[in-house]
């Protein structure tokens, strides 16, 4: 049921996390962690998303532990790549 997604990004890690925190909060969730690793939880698209992240260099690795079953991992990956890269 989970997904493992790796996305390269440009720019500042602190800015990336600030955007992540803002988006998580907008969806009634939370992003906890630092510029190396952390966790998140939020409600969107009629379901709950929870997971962890790990940042190395200019790559963020995301492990979704829980997601709505009707949303395929590839759709989530494509969304993240379009919005993070």
C-alpha atoms as a PDB file:
ATOM      1  CA  UNK A   1       0.000   0.000   0.000  1.00  0.00           C
ATOM      2  CA  UNK A   2       2.950   2.347   0.476  1.00  0.00           C
ATOM      3  CA  UNK A   3       5.096   4.105  -2.106  1.00  0.00           C
ATOM      4  CA  UNK A   4       8.764   4.997  -2.284  1.00  0.00           C
ATOM      5  CA  UNK A   5       9.451   8.086  -4.363  1.00  0.00           C
ATOM      6  CA  UNK A   6      12.748   9.841  -5.082  1.00  0.00           C
ATOM      7  CA  UNK A   7      12.658  13.385  -6.500  1.00  0.00           C
ATOM      8  CA  UNK A   8      15.557  15.644  -7.396  1.00  0.00           C
ATOM      9  CA  UNK A   9      15.082  19.337  -6.601  1.00  0.00           C
ATOM     10  CA  UNK A  10      16.828  22.629  -7.189  1.00  0.00           C
ATOM     11  CA  UNK A  11      17.168  25.340  -4.635  1.00  0.00           C
ATOM     12  CA  UNK A  12      17.281  25.670  -0.909  1.00  0.00           C
ATOM     13  CA  UNK A  13      16.286  22.814   1.401  1.00  0.00           C
ATOM     14  CA  UNK A  14      14.893  25.231   4.003  1.00  0.00           C
ATOM     15  CA  UNK A  15      12.585  26.779   1.390  1.00  0.00           C
ATOM     16  CA  UNK A  16      11.444  23.338   0.243  1.00  0.00           C
ATOM     17  CA  UNK A  17      10.549  22.363   3.814  1.00  0.00           C
ATOM     18  CA  UNK A  18       8.799  25.698   4.445  1.00  0.00           C
ATOM     19  CA  UNK A  19       6.587  25.043   1.417  1.00  0.00           C
ATOM     20  CA  UNK A  20       5.970  21.484   2.624  1.00  0.00           C
ATOM     21  CA  UNK A  21       4.962  22.703   6.079  1.00  0.00           C
ATOM     22  CA  UNK A  22       2.646  25.323   4.604  1.00  0.00           C
ATOM     23  CA  UNK A  23       0.961  22.783   2.300  1.00  0.00           C
ATOM     24  CA  UNK A  24       0.630  20.179   5.051  1.00  0.00           C
ATOM     25  CA  UNK A  25      -0.960  22.764   7.368  1.00  0.00           C
ATOM     26  CA  UNK A  26      -3.350  23.867   4.605  1.00  0.00           C
ATOM     27  CA  UNK A  27      -4.634  20.287   4.474  1.00  0.00           C
ATOM     28  CA  UNK A  28      -5.008  19.932   8.241  1.00  0.00           C
ATOM     29  CA  UNK A  29      -1.740  18.105   8.620  1.00  0.00           C
ATOM     30  CA  UNK A  30       1.768  18.505   9.888  1.00  0.00           C
ATOM     31  CA  UNK A  31       5.317  18.118   8.639  1.00  0.00           C
ATOM     32  CA  UNK A  32       7.840  17.409  11.403  1.00  0.00           C
ATOM     33  CA  UNK A  33      11.564  17.191  10.941  1.00  0.00           C
ATOM     34  CA  UNK A  34      14.630  19.014   9.767  1.00  0.00           C
ATOM     35  CA  UNK A  35      16.778  19.454   6.665  1.00  0.00           C
ATOM     36  CA  UNK A  36      17.806  15.788   6.790  1.00  0.00           C
ATOM     37  CA  UNK A  37      14.743  13.709   7.719  1.00  0.00           C
ATOM     38  CA  UNK A  38      11.265  13.839   9.120  1.00  0.00           C
ATOM     39  CA  UNK A  39       7.660  12.744   8.845  1.00  0.00           C
ATOM     40  CA  UNK A  40       4.368  14.108   7.604  1.00  0.00           C
ATOM     41  CA  UNK A  41       0.646  13.521   7.807  1.00  0.00           C
ATOM     42  CA  UNK A  42      -2.205  15.270   5.997  1.00  0.00           C
ATOM     43  CA  UNK A  43      -5.704  14.762   4.671  1.00  0.00           C
ATOM     44  CA  UNK A  44      -6.331  15.360   0.976  1.00  0.00           C
ATOM     45  CA  UNK A  45      -8.424  13.951  -1.843  1.00  0.00           C
ATOM     46  CA  UNK A  46     -10.717  12.183   0.586  1.00  0.00           C
ATOM     47  CA  UNK A  47      -8.010  10.263   2.391  1.00  0.00           C
ATOM     48  CA  UNK A  48      -5.050  10.388   4.726  1.00  0.00           C
ATOM     49  CA  UNK A  49      -1.432  10.541   3.589  1.00  0.00           C
ATOM     50  CA  UNK A  50       1.320   9.715   6.103  1.00  0.00           C
ATOM     51  CA  UNK A  51       4.964   9.055   5.552  1.00  0.00           C
ATOM     52  CA  UNK A  52       8.595   9.914   6.051  1.00  0.00           C
ATOM     53  CA  UNK A  53      11.209  11.816   4.101  1.00  0.00           C
ATOM     54  CA  UNK A  54      14.985  11.747   3.829  1.00  0.00           C
ATOM     55  CA  UNK A  55      17.005  14.498   2.127  1.00  0.00           C
ATOM     56  CA  UNK A  56      20.462  13.840   0.684  1.00  0.00           C
ATOM     57  CA  UNK A  57      22.183  16.447  -1.468  1.00  0.00           C
ATOM     58  CA  UNK A  58      19.513  17.605  -3.938  1.00  0.00           C
ATOM     59  CA  UNK A  59      17.273  14.547  -3.666  1.00  0.00           C
ATOM     60  CA  UNK A  60      14.306  14.021  -1.389  1.00  0.00           C
ATOM     61  CA  UNK A  61      13.258  10.434  -0.791  1.00  0.00           C
ATOM     62  CA  UNK A  62       9.656  10.061   0.277  1.00  0.00           C
ATOM     63  CA  UNK A  63       8.140   6.928   1.734  1.00  0.00           C
ATOM     64  CA  UNK A  64       4.354   7.001   1.865  1.00  0.00           C
ATOM     65  CA  UNK A  65       3.241   4.665   4.622  1.00  0.00           C
ATOM     66  CA  UNK A  66      -0.469   5.341   4.160  1.00  0.00           C
ATOM     67  CA  UNK A  67      -2.388   6.746   1.199  1.00  0.00           C
ATOM     68  CA  UNK A  68      -5.858   6.417  -0.299  1.00  0.00           C
ATOM     69  CA  UNK A  69      -5.972   3.035  -2.033  1.00  0.00           C
ATOM     70  CA  UNK A  70      -7.597   4.456  -5.175  1.00  0.00           C
ATOM     71  CA  UNK A  71      -4.678   6.821  -5.897  1.00  0.00           C
ATOM     72  CA  UNK A  72      -1.814   4.988  -7.645  1.00  0.00           C
ATOM     73  CA  UNK A  73       1.770   5.646  -6.577  1.00  0.00           C
ATOM     74  CA  UNK A  74       2.674   6.797 -10.088  1.00  0.00           C
ATOM     75  CA  UNK A  75       0.071   9.590  -9.895  1.00  0.00           C
ATOM     76  CA  UNK A  76       1.532  10.798  -6.602  1.00  0.00           C
ATOM     77  CA  UNK A  77       5.064  10.571  -7.992  1.00  0.00           C
ATOM     78  CA  UNK A  78       4.112  12.586 -11.082  1.00  0.00           C
ATOM     79  CA  UNK A  79       2.436  15.239  -8.927  1.00  0.00           C
ATOM     80  CA  UNK A  80       5.479  15.538  -6.652  1.00  0.00           C
ATOM     81  CA  UNK A  81       7.932  15.695  -9.558  1.00  0.00           C
ATOM     82  CA  UNK A  82       5.906  18.459 -11.216  1.00  0.00           C
ATOM     83  CA  UNK A  83       5.699  20.486  -8.003  1.00  0.00           C
ATOM     84  CA  UNK A  84       9.116  19.894  -6.422  1.00  0.00           C
ATOM     85  CA  UNK A  85      11.568  19.781  -9.349  1.00  0.00           C
END
